[in-house]
Amino acid sequence: MNFLIGAIGANLTMGLVTGVSAMATNIYSLTSTISHNISNGEDDIKKLIKEADLDVKIKTILCVLSEIKINISSPYTLHFSVQEIKNAIKDIETELEQIQYRITYNNSLFIGSAFRKYKFHNNYDRLETLIKTLDKRYKMLFDILKIENTMAQNKDITNYLTSSTLDKKLISSSDIIHNSIEFID
């Protein structure tokens, strides 16, 4: 039975990890492209990506998420924390895509580029904030993991969270998997 429940938890975690893995691959590509670009204007962003060690940070988070032991009886706080890390990574991916779009546009300009090209100061500020948010959520996950053994699912809070902020797909998929299991005596 423990194996079965562990498999359910692995399935839930793997769904999140698969999503993060796809985003991570895109982030690696974007950071590489941005870092090796020769146009001007995004030097601060290149420096931020390098100083934040963004690729290694994302890879480390991906490894940790894939190794967390999570199952159907794990507190929803843990599920919520993992989902919010995924959301933070998605936000970083979206911002990097915006930066890459602006770089491509700037590189396509020939005449009047000094007046028509995009600036990157707002992107820099947003990316810096998003990286800090990811760091805080990652730290929060470790704080939750420290006390996870003392936690239990609270259905009242769980129902509130699922109706307001927690990803309903995560909860509904866990319910579907849980309800479709037949225990053999």
C-alpha atoms as a PDB file:
ATOM      1  CA  MET A   1       0.000   0.000   0.000  1.00  0.00           C
ATOM      2  CA  ASN A   2       2.835   2.405   0.794  1.00  0.00           C
ATOM      3  CA  PHE A   3       4.252   1.702  -2.641  1.00  0.00           C
ATOM      4  CA  LEU A   4       0.888   2.514  -4.218  1.00  0.00           C
ATOM      5  CA  ILE A   5       0.566   5.784  -2.337  1.00  0.00           C
ATOM      6  CA  GLY A   6       4.187   6.626  -3.156  1.00  0.00           C
ATOM      7  CA  ALA A   7       3.410   6.020  -6.827  1.00  0.00           C
ATOM      8  CA  ILE A   8       0.463   8.405  -6.623  1.00  0.00           C
ATOM      9  CA  GLY A   9       2.672  11.066  -5.049  1.00  0.00           C
ATOM     10  CA  ALA A  10       5.323  10.466  -7.674  1.00  0.00           C
ATOM     11  CA  ASN A  11       2.676  10.916 -10.363  1.00  0.00           C
ATOM     12  CA  LEU A  12       1.557  14.248  -8.898  1.00  0.00           C
ATOM     13  CA  THR A  13       5.101  15.464  -8.466  1.00  0.00           C
ATOM     14  CA  MET A  14       6.159  14.271 -11.906  1.00  0.00           C
ATOM     15  CA  GLY A  15       3.318  16.259 -13.472  1.00  0.00           C
ATOM     16  CA  LEU A  16       4.661  19.417 -11.876  1.00  0.00           C
ATOM     17  CA  VAL A  17       8.272  18.497 -12.590  1.00  0.00           C
ATOM     18  CA  THR A  18       7.476  17.813 -16.247  1.00  0.00           C
ATOM     19  CA  GLY A  19       5.997  21.299 -16.544  1.00  0.00           C
ATOM     20  CA  VAL A  20       8.988  22.849 -14.793  1.00  0.00           C
ATOM     21  CA  SER A  21      11.371  20.778 -16.923  1.00  0.00           C
ATOM     22  CA  ALA A  22       9.869  22.112 -20.154  1.00  0.00           C
ATOM     23  CA  MET A  23      10.070  25.683 -18.852  1.00  0.00           C
ATOM     24  CA  ALA A  24      13.642  25.096 -17.659  1.00  0.00           C
ATOM     25  CA  THR A  25      14.715  23.938 -21.114  1.00  0.00           C
ATOM     26  CA  ASN A  26      13.257  27.098 -22.622  1.00  0.00           C
ATOM     27  CA  ILE A  27      14.933  29.243 -19.951  1.00  0.00           C
ATOM     28  CA  TYR A  28      18.343  27.654 -20.685  1.00  0.00           C
ATOM     29  CA  SER A  29      17.883  28.438 -24.362  1.00  0.00           C
ATOM     30  CA  LEU A  30      16.760  32.008 -23.687  1.00  0.00           C
ATOM     31  CA  THR A  31      19.558  32.786 -21.223  1.00  0.00           C
ATOM     32  CA  SER A  32      22.122  31.361 -23.627  1.00  0.00           C
ATOM     33  CA  THR A  33      20.770  33.419 -26.517  1.00  0.00           C
ATOM     34  CA  ILE A  34      20.558  36.591 -24.428  1.00  0.00           C
ATOM     35  CA  SER A  35      24.039  36.075 -22.950  1.00  0.00           C
ATOM     36  CA  HIS A  36      25.665  35.559 -26.345  1.00  0.00           C
ATOM     37  CA  ASN A  37      23.877  38.398 -28.100  1.00  0.00           C
ATOM     38  CA  ILE A  38      26.112  41.194 -29.351  1.00  0.00           C
ATOM     39  CA  SER A  39      23.578  44.015 -29.472  1.00  0.00           C
ATOM     40  CA  ASN A  40      23.708  46.848 -26.977  1.00  0.00           C
ATOM     41  CA  GLY A  41      21.268  47.754 -24.271  1.00  0.00           C
ATOM     42  CA  GLU A  42      20.812  44.514 -22.396  1.00  0.00           C
ATOM     43  CA  ASP A  43      24.220  44.354 -20.686  1.00  0.00           C
ATOM     44  CA  ASP A  44      22.647  44.816 -17.242  1.00  0.00           C
ATOM     45  CA  ILE A  45      20.317  41.898 -17.907  1.00  0.00           C
ATOM     46  CA  LYS A  46      23.241  39.715 -19.000  1.00  0.00           C
ATOM     47  CA  LYS A  47      25.016  40.655 -15.780  1.00  0.00           C
ATOM     48  CA  LEU A  48      21.913  39.891 -13.682  1.00  0.00           C
ATOM     49  CA  ILE A  49      21.492  36.464 -15.312  1.00  0.00           C
ATOM     50  CA  LYS A  50      25.150  35.687 -14.652  1.00  0.00           C
ATOM     51  CA  GLU A  51      25.183  36.991 -11.060  1.00  0.00           C
ATOM     52  CA  ALA A  52      21.939  35.196 -10.191  1.00  0.00           C
ATOM     53  CA  ASP A  53      23.407  32.019 -11.731  1.00  0.00           C
ATOM     54  CA  LEU A  54      19.957  31.517 -13.192  1.00  0.00           C
ATOM     55  CA  ASP A  55      20.641  28.325 -15.155  1.00  0.00           C
ATOM     56  CA  VAL A  56      22.157  26.521 -12.171  1.00  0.00           C
ATOM     57  CA  LYS A  57      19.414  27.825  -9.895  1.00  0.00           C
ATOM     58  CA  ILE A  58      16.690  26.459 -12.186  1.00  0.00           C
ATOM     59  CA  LYS A  59      18.500  23.115 -12.638  1.00  0.00           C
ATOM     60  CA  THR A  60      18.925  22.752  -8.868  1.00  0.00           C
ATOM     61  CA  ILE A  61      15.274  23.534  -8.231  1.00  0.00           C
ATOM     62  CA  LEU A  62      14.264  21.008 -10.885  1.00  0.00           C
ATOM     63  CA  CYS A  63      16.392  18.326  -9.206  1.00  0.00           C
ATOM     64  CA  VAL A  64      14.969  19.115  -5.763  1.00  0.00           C
ATOM     65  CA  LEU A  65      11.385  19.080  -7.027  1.00  0.00           C
ATOM     66  CA  SER A  66      11.913  15.713  -8.693  1.00  0.00           C
ATOM     67  CA  GLU A  67      13.325  14.227  -5.475  1.00  0.00           C
ATOM     68  CA  ILE A  68      10.747  15.476  -2.992  1.00  0.00           C
ATOM     69  CA  LYS A  69       8.716  12.674  -1.479  1.00  0.00           C
ATOM     70  CA  ILE A  70       5.134  13.754  -1.933  1.00  0.00           C
ATOM     71  CA  ASN A  71       2.029  11.632  -1.783  1.00  0.00           C
ATOM     72  CA  ILE A  72      -1.730  11.886  -1.601  1.00  0.00           C
ATOM     73  CA  SER A  73      -1.626  12.481   2.149  1.00  0.00           C
ATOM     74  CA  SER A  74       1.069  15.160   1.992  1.00  0.00           C
ATOM     75  CA  PRO A  75      -0.150  18.494   3.275  1.00  0.00           C
ATOM     76  CA  TYR A  76      -1.628  20.702   0.603  1.00  0.00           C
ATOM     77  CA  THR A  77       0.784  23.342   1.842  1.00  0.00           C
ATOM     78  CA  LEU A  78       3.539  21.294   0.237  1.00  0.00           C
ATOM     79  CA  HIS A  79       1.587  20.913  -3.009  1.00  0.00           C
ATOM     80  CA  PHE A  80       0.847  24.647  -2.976  1.00  0.00           C
ATOM     81  CA  SER A  81       4.490  25.552  -2.401  1.00  0.00           C
ATOM     82  CA  VAL A  82       5.653  23.395  -5.314  1.00  0.00           C
ATOM     83  CA  GLN A  83       2.961  24.878  -7.559  1.00  0.00           C
ATOM     84  CA  GLU A  84       3.983  28.431  -6.641  1.00  0.00           C
ATOM     85  CA  ILE A  85       7.621  27.658  -7.453  1.00  0.00           C
ATOM     86  CA  LYS A  86       6.424  26.440 -10.832  1.00  0.00           C
ATOM     87  CA  ASN A  87       4.487  29.697 -11.277  1.00  0.00           C
ATOM     88  CA  ALA A  88       7.579  31.762 -10.381  1.00  0.00           C
ATOM     89  CA  ILE A  89       9.646  29.870 -12.947  1.00  0.00           C
ATOM     90  CA  LYS A  90       6.909  30.450 -15.541  1.00  0.00           C
ATOM     91  CA  ASP A  91       6.984  34.188 -14.791  1.00  0.00           C
ATOM     92  CA  ILE A  92      10.765  34.250 -15.285  1.00  0.00           C
ATOM     93  CA  GLU A  93      10.385  32.359 -18.556  1.00  0.00           C
ATOM     94  CA  THR A  94       7.783  34.873 -19.768  1.00  0.00           C
ATOM     95  CA  GLU A  95      10.015  37.831 -18.888  1.00  0.00           C
ATOM     96  CA  LEU A  96      13.006  36.262 -20.652  1.00  0.00           C
ATOM     97  CA  GLU A  97      10.838  35.701 -23.738  1.00  0.00           C
ATOM     98  CA  GLN A  98       9.914  39.405 -23.653  1.00  0.00           C
ATOM     99  CA  ILE A  99      13.584  40.357 -23.386  1.00  0.00           C
ATOM    100  CA  GLN A 100      14.493  38.057 -26.273  1.00  0.00           C
ATOM    101  CA  TYR A 101      11.717  39.585 -28.399  1.00  0.00           C
ATOM    102  CA  ARG A 102      13.055  43.074 -27.684  1.00  0.00           C
ATOM    103  CA  ILE A 103      16.620  42.035 -28.527  1.00  0.00           C
ATOM    104  CA  THR A 104      15.480  40.509 -31.818  1.00  0.00           C
ATOM    105  CA  TYR A 105      13.521  43.657 -32.659  1.00  0.00           C
ATOM    106  CA  ASN A 106      16.461  45.919 -31.785  1.00  0.00           C
ATOM    107  CA  ASN A 107      18.785  43.812 -33.941  1.00  0.00           C
ATOM    108  CA  SER A 108      16.415  44.162 -36.898  1.00  0.00           C
ATOM    109  CA  LEU A 109      16.600  47.967 -36.877  1.00  0.00           C
ATOM    110  CA  PHE A 110      18.955  49.697 -39.272  1.00  0.00           C
ATOM    111  CA  ILE A 111      17.854  53.310 -39.676  1.00  0.00           C
ATOM    112  CA  GLY A 112      16.921  55.361 -36.637  1.00  0.00           C
ATOM    113  CA  SER A 113      17.682  52.541 -34.252  1.00  0.00           C
ATOM    114  CA  ALA A 114      18.835  54.948 -31.557  1.00  0.00           C
ATOM    115  CA  PHE A 115      15.330  56.396 -31.392  1.00  0.00           C
ATOM    116  CA  ARG A 116      13.218  53.318 -32.109  1.00  0.00           C
ATOM    117  CA  LYS A 117      14.937  50.578 -30.149  1.00  0.00           C
ATOM    118  CA  TYR A 118      13.585  49.096 -26.953  1.00  0.00           C
ATOM    119  CA  LYS A 119      15.133  49.916 -23.618  1.00  0.00           C
ATOM    120  CA  PHE A 120      15.611  47.194 -21.006  1.00  0.00           C
ATOM    121  CA  HIS A 121      15.478  48.961 -17.627  1.00  0.00           C
ATOM    122  CA  ASN A 122      11.896  47.840 -16.896  1.00  0.00           C
ATOM    123  CA  ASN A 123      12.739  44.282 -17.946  1.00  0.00           C
ATOM    124  CA  TYR A 124      15.744  44.359 -15.655  1.00  0.00           C
ATOM    125  CA  ASP A 125      13.649  45.490 -12.679  1.00  0.00           C
ATOM    126  CA  ARG A 126      10.968  42.865 -13.343  1.00  0.00           C
ATOM    127  CA  LEU A 127      13.482  40.055 -13.854  1.00  0.00           C
ATOM    128  CA  GLU A 128      15.329  41.002 -10.678  1.00  0.00           C
ATOM    129  CA  THR A 129      12.063  40.960  -8.711  1.00  0.00           C
ATOM    130  CA  LEU A 130      11.017  37.629 -10.234  1.00  0.00           C
ATOM    131  CA  ILE A 131      14.351  36.018  -9.348  1.00  0.00           C
ATOM    132  CA  LYS A 132      14.019  37.273  -5.759  1.00  0.00           C
ATOM    133  CA  THR A 133      10.474  35.880  -5.638  1.00  0.00           C
ATOM    134  CA  LEU A 134      11.716  32.490  -6.840  1.00  0.00           C
ATOM    135  CA  ASP A 135      14.441  32.535  -4.169  1.00  0.00           C
ATOM    136  CA  LYS A 136      11.889  33.302  -1.448  1.00  0.00           C
ATOM    137  CA  ARG A 137       9.509  30.568  -2.609  1.00  0.00           C
ATOM    138  CA  TYR A 138      12.351  28.058  -2.797  1.00  0.00           C
ATOM    139  CA  LYS A 139      13.411  28.952   0.753  1.00  0.00           C
ATOM    140  CA  MET A 140       9.794  28.661   1.872  1.00  0.00           C
ATOM    141  CA  LEU A 141       9.616  25.145   0.384  1.00  0.00           C
ATOM    142  CA  PHE A 142      12.566  24.111   2.549  1.00  0.00           C
ATOM    143  CA  ASP A 143      10.921  25.659   5.595  1.00  0.00           C
ATOM    144  CA  ILE A 144       7.811  23.588   4.849  1.00  0.00           C
ATOM    145  CA  LEU A 145       9.851  20.420   4.330  1.00  0.00           C
ATOM    146  CA  LYS A 146      11.412  20.898   7.791  1.00  0.00           C
ATOM    147  CA  ILE A 147       8.001  20.724   9.481  1.00  0.00           C
ATOM    148  CA  GLU A 148       6.163  18.497   7.002  1.00  0.00           C
ATOM    149  CA  ASN A 149       6.231  15.504   9.373  1.00  0.00           C
ATOM    150  CA  THR A 150       4.292  17.505  11.957  1.00  0.00           C
ATOM    151  CA  MET A 151       1.624  18.599   9.477  1.00  0.00           C
ATOM    152  CA  ALA A 152      -1.609  16.939   8.433  1.00  0.00           C
ATOM    153  CA  GLN A 153      -4.111  17.807   5.751  1.00  0.00           C
ATOM    154  CA  ASN A 154      -6.801  20.149   6.985  1.00  0.00           C
ATOM    155  CA  LYS A 155      -9.844  19.667   4.769  1.00  0.00           C
ATOM    156  CA  ASP A 156     -11.379  23.027   5.741  1.00  0.00           C
ATOM    157  CA  ILE A 157      -8.281  24.953   4.719  1.00  0.00           C
ATOM    158  CA  THR A 158      -7.816  22.696   1.733  1.00  0.00           C
ATOM    159  CA  ASN A 159     -11.322  23.450   0.470  1.00  0.00           C
ATOM    160  CA  TYR A 160     -10.721  27.175   0.943  1.00  0.00           C
ATOM    161  CA  LEU A 161      -7.400  27.056  -0.889  1.00  0.00           C
ATOM    162  CA  THR A 162      -8.723  25.009  -3.764  1.00  0.00           C
ATOM    163  CA  SER A 163     -11.588  27.405  -4.272  1.00  0.00           C
ATOM    164  CA  SER A 164      -9.396  30.496  -4.204  1.00  0.00           C
ATOM    165  CA  THR A 165      -5.716  30.241  -5.017  1.00  0.00           C
ATOM    166  CA  LEU A 166      -4.434  26.682  -5.247  1.00  0.00           C
ATOM    167  CA  ASP A 167      -4.176  25.199  -8.701  1.00  0.00           C
ATOM    168  CA  LYS A 168      -7.414  23.247  -9.122  1.00  0.00           C
ATOM    169  CA  LYS A 169      -5.831  20.949 -11.682  1.00  0.00           C
ATOM    170  CA  LEU A 170      -3.392  19.677  -9.066  1.00  0.00           C
ATOM    171  CA  ILE A 171      -6.133  18.917  -6.580  1.00  0.00           C
ATOM    172  CA  SER A 172      -8.549  17.444  -9.106  1.00  0.00           C
ATOM    173  CA  SER A 173      -5.859  15.205 -10.591  1.00  0.00           C
ATOM    174  CA  SER A 174      -4.964  13.923  -7.131  1.00  0.00           C
ATOM    175  CA  ASP A 175      -8.646  13.248  -6.408  1.00  0.00           C
ATOM    176  CA  ILE A 176      -9.127  11.440  -9.723  1.00  0.00           C
ATOM    177  CA  ILE A 177      -6.077   9.277  -9.133  1.00  0.00           C
ATOM    178  CA  HIS A 178      -7.080   8.630  -5.536  1.00  0.00           C
ATOM    179  CA  ASN A 179     -10.667   7.725  -6.469  1.00  0.00           C
ATOM    180  CA  SER A 180      -9.612   5.378  -9.261  1.00  0.00           C
ATOM    181  CA  ILE A 181      -7.441   3.191  -7.042  1.00  0.00           C
ATOM    182  CA  GLU A 182      -8.746  -0.148  -5.953  1.00  0.00           C
ATOM    183  CA  PHE A 183      -7.079  -1.678  -2.941  1.00  0.00           C
ATOM    184  CA  ILE A 184      -6.660  -5.434  -3.026  1.00  0.00           C
ATOM    185  CA  ASP A 185      -6.704  -7.235   0.306  1.00  0.00           C
END
